[in-house]
Protein backbone atom coordinates (compact mmCIF):
# COMPACT_ATOMS: atom_id res chain seq x y z
CA MET A 1 0.34 21.81 2.64
CA THR A 2 3.50 19.08 2.75
CA ALA A 3 3.85 16.75 0.43
CA THR A 4 3.37 13.26 1.64
CA ASN A 5 6.36 10.75 1.59
CA ARG A 6 5.42 8.16 -1.02
CA ALA A 7 8.68 6.25 -0.55
CA VAL A 8 8.42 4.27 2.63
CA PRO A 9 8.31 0.38 2.18
CA ARG A 10 4.58 -1.02 1.81
CA ARG A 11 5.55 -4.54 1.01
CA THR A 12 3.36 -5.81 3.81
CA ILE A 13 0.65 -4.15 5.39
CA LEU A 14 -1.16 -5.59 8.61
CA ALA A 15 -4.74 -5.34 8.92
CA VAL A 16 -5.67 -4.95 12.76
CA PRO A 17 -9.18 -4.79 14.18
CA GLY A 18 -9.27 -1.47 16.06
CA SER A 19 -12.08 -3.25 18.25
CA SER A 20 -9.27 -5.83 19.79
CA ASP A 21 -6.64 -4.77 22.53
CA ARG A 22 -5.08 -8.35 21.91
CA PHE A 23 -4.73 -8.08 18.00
CA ILE A 24 -3.39 -4.75 18.68
CA ASP A 25 -1.06 -5.75 21.19
CA LYS A 26 0.15 -8.60 19.01
CA ALA A 27 1.01 -6.28 16.14
CA ARG A 28 3.20 -4.01 17.80
CA THR A 29 6.27 -6.34 17.42
CA LEU A 30 5.72 -8.11 14.11
CA ALA A 31 8.17 -7.12 10.99
CA VAL A 32 5.69 -5.63 8.45
CA ASP A 33 6.15 -2.65 7.08
CA GLY A 34 3.26 -0.88 7.93
CA LEU A 35 -0.28 -1.43 9.36
CA PHE A 36 -3.40 -0.14 9.55
CA LEU A 37 -5.75 -0.08 12.69
CA ASP A 38 -9.35 -0.72 11.34
CA LEU A 39 -12.50 1.12 12.11
CA GLU A 40 -14.26 -0.29 8.89
CA ASP A 41 -14.99 -4.04 8.17
CA ALA A 42 -13.23 -5.68 10.92
CA VAL A 43 -15.09 -3.83 13.56
CA ALA A 44 -19.20 -4.23 14.28
CA PRO A 45 -21.33 -1.44 13.83
CA ALA A 46 -22.35 -1.39 17.62
CA VAL A 47 -18.72 -0.99 18.58
CA LYS A 48 -17.36 1.37 15.87
CA VAL A 49 -17.42 4.28 18.33
CA GLU A 50 -15.86 3.26 21.10
CA SER A 51 -13.30 1.59 19.08
CA ARG A 52 -12.09 4.87 18.14
CA GLN A 53 -10.89 5.59 21.63
CA ARG A 54 -9.10 2.18 21.81
CA ILE A 55 -6.97 3.15 18.46
CA VAL A 56 -6.30 6.45 20.55
CA SER A 57 -5.05 5.08 23.54
CA ALA A 58 -3.22 2.24 21.80
CA LEU A 59 -1.33 4.81 19.99
CA ASN A 60 -0.99 7.16 22.82
CA SER A 61 0.46 4.22 25.34
CA GLY A 62 4.30 4.70 24.34
CA ALA A 63 4.27 1.04 23.67
CA GLY A 64 5.03 1.84 19.76
CA PHE A 65 4.67 -0.56 16.57
CA ALA A 66 7.80 -2.17 15.09
CA ALA A 67 6.00 -0.82 11.50
CA GLY A 68 7.66 1.93 9.97
CA LEU A 69 3.99 3.03 8.79
CA VAL A 70 1.04 3.40 11.22
CA THR A 71 -2.22 4.26 9.86
CA VAL A 72 -5.84 4.15 10.36
CA ARG A 73 -8.57 2.89 8.22
CA VAL A 74 -11.81 5.12 9.00
CA ASN A 75 -15.12 4.14 7.37
CA GLY A 76 -16.17 5.36 4.20
CA TRP A 77 -18.49 8.01 2.97
CA GLU A 78 -21.40 5.87 2.61
CA SER A 79 -21.29 5.42 6.68
CA PRO A 80 -22.42 7.73 9.44
CA TRP A 81 -18.89 7.34 10.89
CA THR A 82 -16.69 8.78 8.60
CA TYR A 83 -16.70 12.10 10.22
CA GLY A 84 -16.56 11.06 13.65
CA ASP A 85 -13.57 8.57 12.91
CA VAL A 86 -11.67 11.75 11.49
CA ILE A 87 -12.30 13.83 14.44
CA ASP A 88 -11.70 11.50 17.41
CA VAL A 89 -8.66 9.61 16.10
CA VAL A 90 -7.06 12.58 14.33
CA CYS A 91 -7.76 15.05 17.44
CA GLY A 92 -6.60 12.38 20.06
CA ALA A 93 -3.45 10.70 18.49
CA GLY A 94 -2.94 12.57 15.04
CA ALA A 95 0.81 13.02 16.02
CA ARG A 96 1.12 9.46 15.85
CA VAL A 97 -0.74 8.79 12.51
CA ASP A 98 1.11 8.44 9.30
CA ALA A 99 -1.83 8.28 7.03
CA LEU A 100 -5.68 7.69 6.93
CA VAL A 101 -7.09 4.66 4.57
CA LEU A 102 -10.24 5.54 3.04
CA PRO A 103 -12.34 2.74 1.76
CA LYS A 104 -14.85 2.15 -1.23
CA ALA A 105 -13.64 5.39 -2.94
CA GLN A 106 -15.68 6.12 -5.73
CA SER A 107 -14.67 9.65 -7.09
CA ALA A 108 -12.42 12.11 -6.30
CA ALA A 109 -14.95 14.42 -4.76
CA GLN A 110 -14.73 11.84 -1.98
CA VAL A 111 -10.98 12.12 -1.36
CA HIS A 112 -11.45 15.78 -1.63
CA ALA A 113 -13.72 15.82 1.16
CA LEU A 114 -11.57 13.78 3.41
CA ASP A 115 -8.48 16.20 2.77
CA LEU A 116 -10.85 19.08 3.30
CA LEU A 117 -11.80 17.53 6.68
CA LEU A 118 -8.68 16.49 7.40
CA THR A 119 -6.97 19.61 6.66
CA GLN A 120 -9.60 21.16 9.24
CA VAL A 121 -9.01 19.09 11.97
CA GLU A 122 -5.01 19.47 11.98
CA HIS A 123 -5.56 23.46 12.45
CA THR A 124 -7.78 22.55 15.32
CA ALA A 125 -5.53 19.99 16.89
CA GLY A 126 -2.38 22.05 16.30
CA LEU A 127 -0.76 19.53 13.97
CA PRO A 128 1.39 20.29 10.48
CA VAL A 129 -0.93 20.45 7.93
CA GLY A 130 -0.71 18.01 5.25
CA ARG A 131 1.52 15.88 7.10
CA ILE A 132 -1.13 13.26 7.66
CA GLY A 133 -1.31 10.93 4.34
CA LEU A 134 -4.19 9.42 2.37
CA GLU A 135 -4.41 6.18 1.07
CA VAL A 136 -7.70 4.93 -0.83
CA GLN A 137 -9.02 1.80 -1.73
CA ILE A 138 -10.76 0.72 -5.19
CA GLU A 139 -13.51 -1.62 -4.32
CA ASP A 140 -15.88 -1.53 -6.70
CA ALA A 141 -16.87 -0.89 -10.51
CA ILE A 142 -17.45 2.82 -9.92
CA GLY A 143 -14.28 3.32 -8.29
CA LEU A 144 -12.12 1.32 -10.85
CA LEU A 145 -14.11 3.54 -13.76
CA HIS A 146 -12.82 6.75 -11.87
CA VAL A 147 -9.55 5.64 -10.53
CA THR A 148 -7.49 8.00 -12.60
CA GLU A 149 -9.27 10.79 -11.20
CA ILE A 150 -9.06 9.35 -7.77
CA ALA A 151 -5.35 9.16 -8.03
CA ALA A 152 -5.15 12.89 -8.82
CA ALA A 153 -7.52 14.10 -6.11
CA SER A 154 -5.00 15.01 -3.40
CA PRO A 155 -1.51 15.77 -2.75
CA ARG A 156 -1.61 13.88 0.66
CA LEU A 157 -2.29 10.54 -1.78
CA ALA A 158 0.57 7.95 -1.05
CA SER A 159 -1.06 4.75 -2.39
CA LEU A 160 -4.12 3.15 -4.04
CA VAL A 161 -5.38 -0.17 -2.68
CA PHE A 162 -7.08 -3.12 -4.40
CA GLY A 163 -10.12 -4.15 -2.38
CA PRO A 164 -11.03 -7.60 -3.96
CA GLY A 165 -13.49 -8.70 -1.73
CA ASP A 166 -16.16 -6.09 -2.36
CA PHE A 167 -14.72 -5.62 -6.06
CA MET A 168 -15.64 -9.36 -6.24
CA ALA A 169 -19.06 -8.90 -5.06
CA SER A 170 -19.76 -5.59 -7.22
CA LEU A 171 -19.07 -7.46 -10.33
CA GLY A 172 -20.84 -10.78 -9.24
CA MET A 173 -17.62 -12.92 -9.39
CA GLY A 174 -17.87 -16.23 -8.38
CA GLY A 175 -16.32 -17.93 -5.47
CA LEU A 176 -16.21 -17.07 -1.26
CA ASN A 177 -12.29 -16.92 -1.17
CA VAL A 178 -11.40 -13.38 -1.15
CA GLY A 179 -8.29 -12.60 -3.07
CA ALA A 180 -8.04 -16.07 -4.41
CA GLN A 181 -8.96 -16.52 -8.36
CA PRO A 182 -12.83 -17.49 -8.93
CA THR A 183 -13.59 -20.95 -10.16
CA GLY A 184 -14.58 -21.61 -13.58
CA TYR A 185 -12.33 -18.80 -15.50
CA PRO A 186 -9.27 -19.68 -17.14
CA ALA A 187 -7.24 -16.71 -16.98
CA ASP A 188 -6.32 -14.15 -14.23
CA ALA A 189 -9.83 -12.53 -13.55
CA PHE A 190 -7.87 -9.74 -11.69
CA HIS A 191 -5.71 -8.76 -14.11
CA HIS A 192 -7.63 -5.51 -15.80
CA VAL A 193 -8.46 -4.32 -12.15
CA LEU A 194 -5.07 -4.40 -11.05
CA MET A 195 -3.34 -3.15 -14.03
CA SER A 196 -5.89 0.04 -14.20
CA ILE A 197 -5.18 0.74 -10.77
CA LEU A 198 -1.10 0.00 -11.28
CA VAL A 199 -1.09 2.61 -14.16
CA ALA A 200 -3.27 5.35 -12.32
CA ALA A 201 -1.18 4.99 -9.51
CA ARG A 202 2.06 5.33 -11.26
CA ALA A 203 0.79 8.33 -13.56
CA HIS A 204 0.57 10.00 -10.37
CA GLY A 205 3.57 8.83 -8.26
CA LEU A 206 1.83 6.80 -5.98
CA GLN A 207 2.70 3.25 -4.96
CA ALA A 208 0.04 0.48 -5.41
CA ILE A 209 -1.16 -2.25 -3.07
CA ASP A 210 -2.55 -5.61 -3.65
CA GLY A 211 -5.41 -6.53 -1.24
CA PRO A 212 -5.85 -9.23 1.59
CA PHE A 213 -5.95 -13.05 0.83
CA VAL A 214 -7.96 -14.27 3.31
CA ALA A 215 -7.38 -18.03 3.54
CA ILE A 216 -4.65 -17.05 6.13
CA ARG A 217 -3.66 -21.13 6.60
CA ASP A 218 -2.93 -21.45 2.83
CA VAL A 219 0.33 -19.57 2.85
CA GLU A 220 1.14 -20.58 -0.77
CA GLY A 221 -2.19 -19.50 -1.99
CA PHE A 222 -1.00 -16.21 -0.57
CA ARG A 223 2.26 -16.12 -2.34
CA ARG A 224 0.84 -17.28 -5.63
CA SER A 225 -1.51 -14.40 -5.22
CA ALA A 226 1.13 -11.77 -4.32
CA GLU A 227 3.51 -12.94 -6.87
CA LEU A 228 0.83 -12.13 -9.61
CA SER A 229 0.63 -8.50 -8.59
CA ALA A 230 4.36 -8.34 -7.64
CA ALA A 231 5.44 -9.44 -11.48
CA LEU A 232 3.00 -6.54 -12.57
CA GLY A 233 4.81 -4.02 -10.51
CA TYR A 234 2.96 -3.51 -7.23
CA ASP A 235 4.62 -2.66 -4.28
CA GLY A 236 3.21 -4.82 -1.53
CA LYS A 237 0.03 -6.48 -0.19
CA TRP A 238 -2.25 -6.40 2.56
CA VAL A 239 -1.58 -9.24 5.29
CA LEU A 240 -4.18 -10.94 7.80
CA HIS A 241 -2.12 -13.02 9.85
CA PRO A 242 1.72 -13.39 11.10
CA GLY A 243 1.85 -16.21 8.84
CA GLN A 244 1.76 -14.30 5.63
CA VAL A 245 4.26 -11.80 6.44
CA ASP A 246 7.69 -13.39 5.57
CA ALA A 247 6.17 -14.80 1.93
CA GLY A 248 5.03 -10.89 1.74
CA ASN A 249 8.24 -9.48 2.52
CA GLU A 250 10.28 -11.77 0.24
CA VAL A 251 7.83 -11.57 -2.65
CA TYR A 252 7.79 -7.82 -2.78
CA SER A 253 11.54 -7.74 -2.52
CA PRO A 254 13.88 -7.94 -5.31
CA LYS A 255 15.76 -11.36 -5.71
CA ALA A 256 18.95 -11.26 -4.59
CA SER A 257 20.37 -12.21 -8.42
CA ASP A 258 18.17 -9.29 -9.98
CA PHE A 259 19.83 -6.91 -7.22
CA GLU A 260 23.19 -8.11 -7.88
CA ARG A 261 22.74 -7.94 -12.12
CA ALA A 262 21.31 -4.36 -11.31
CA GLN A 263 24.37 -3.37 -9.58
CA ARG A 264 26.55 -4.55 -12.52
CA ILE A 265 24.53 -3.13 -15.04
CA MET A 266 24.88 0.19 -13.47
CA ALA A 267 28.28 0.11 -12.85
CA ALA A 268 28.88 -1.12 -16.28
CA TYR A 269 26.65 1.73 -17.66
CA ALA A 270 28.50 4.17 -15.82
CA HIS A 271 32.13 3.21 -16.71
CA ALA A 272 31.03 3.13 -20.60
CA ALA A 273 29.79 6.55 -19.96
CA GLU A 274 32.64 7.85 -18.52
CA LEU A 275 34.85 6.41 -21.33
CA ALA A 276 32.92 7.73 -23.76
CA HIS A 277 32.53 11.18 -22.14
CA GLY A 278 28.56 10.91 -21.74
CA ALA A 279 28.29 9.64 -25.18
CA VAL A 280 27.11 6.11 -24.70
CA GLY A 281 23.99 4.29 -26.24
CA ALA A 282 24.24 0.54 -25.55
CA ILE A 283 26.53 -1.77 -23.70
CA VAL A 284 26.36 -5.39 -23.38
CA VAL A 285 26.18 -6.86 -19.70
CA ASP A 286 25.79 -10.70 -18.82
CA ASP A 287 25.66 -11.09 -22.55
CA GLU A 288 22.34 -8.63 -23.04
CA MET A 289 22.02 -5.55 -24.68
CA VAL A 290 21.41 -2.88 -22.30
CA ASP A 291 20.44 0.75 -23.41
CA GLU A 292 19.05 3.79 -21.38
CA ALA A 293 15.45 1.71 -20.85
CA GLY A 294 17.43 -1.02 -19.24
CA VAL A 295 19.50 1.56 -17.15
CA LYS A 296 15.99 2.93 -15.59
CA LEU A 297 14.66 -0.79 -15.08
CA ALA A 298 18.25 -1.68 -13.07
CA ALA A 299 17.63 1.88 -11.09
CA ALA A 300 14.42 0.84 -9.92
CA ILE A 301 15.06 -2.67 -8.63
CA LEU A 302 18.04 -0.84 -6.93
CA ALA A 303 15.70 1.51 -5.18
CA ARG A 304 13.10 -1.07 -4.26
CA GLY A 305 16.01 -3.25 -3.01
CA ARG A 306 17.69 -0.42 -0.88
CA ALA A 307 13.94 0.13 0.44
CA ALA A 308 13.65 -3.41 1.61
CA GLY A 309 17.03 -3.04 3.34
CA MET A 310 19.16 -5.21 0.93
CA GLU A 311 22.72 -4.17 0.83
CA GLU A 312 24.81 -3.50 -2.20
CA THR A 313 28.39 -5.03 -2.69
CA LYS A 314 31.19 -3.41 -2.88
């Protein structure tokens, strides 16, 4: 089994209903890092089966997508559709699918089951075993309690994704605006769940992705929501509307000033190490002390900036 590429940028991941040719066609040219063609919540039960073929046809059409990452969200194991989703989509267009998204994950066993099924389908379809990755959603209290085991469940895993709507319902949170802070609570109601997912993801080399903000016309509300998770270290966020894309790409990219300062830190530290023949401890850059921990932070910002297409100054 090959290792999943976990370094692909995921600043903005567009949700695309798999039942709508119009939305699929519109998604082809949008400047998002990734997208998922949805067979779950965005598709009514009566058309879930026929939507599989619509997705297969869209993937095989030759028109392609501007997004660098193209995934498909199958239905969760609590439904009767998971097996058929995997069989039909992967056998029909598996060569054009980068990952499957598993919603409502509650245990490592559910991830194992999808991994095993996917392996068999790849064999049957003549596809490289292990190339198709997995992206797993944490959407309720049980999933959060098991998030560490879920994060370690498969080498196919590339990211953990927070699902705020089902999570709010799972806990009985007030409010109907999915992704927004519930009313009546003075602090960040999502801080614990976001940090728990982030720690589990980072401990296993995965990306952490924030869930959607459903008030699609409230771009400033979307931006505030994104800034909270970006400040913690999240790699990106699901978007539901083209109007959210630019804000998401901006928020989850390093600020230009931080990117430039990170370059100065790396250059200054490398120069100091050269002069000291490697025996350098801490140096001062921009009137601040910088040691190895600071260098690691600078390197992380540079890596994120490069992934976002930012260019270093010479």
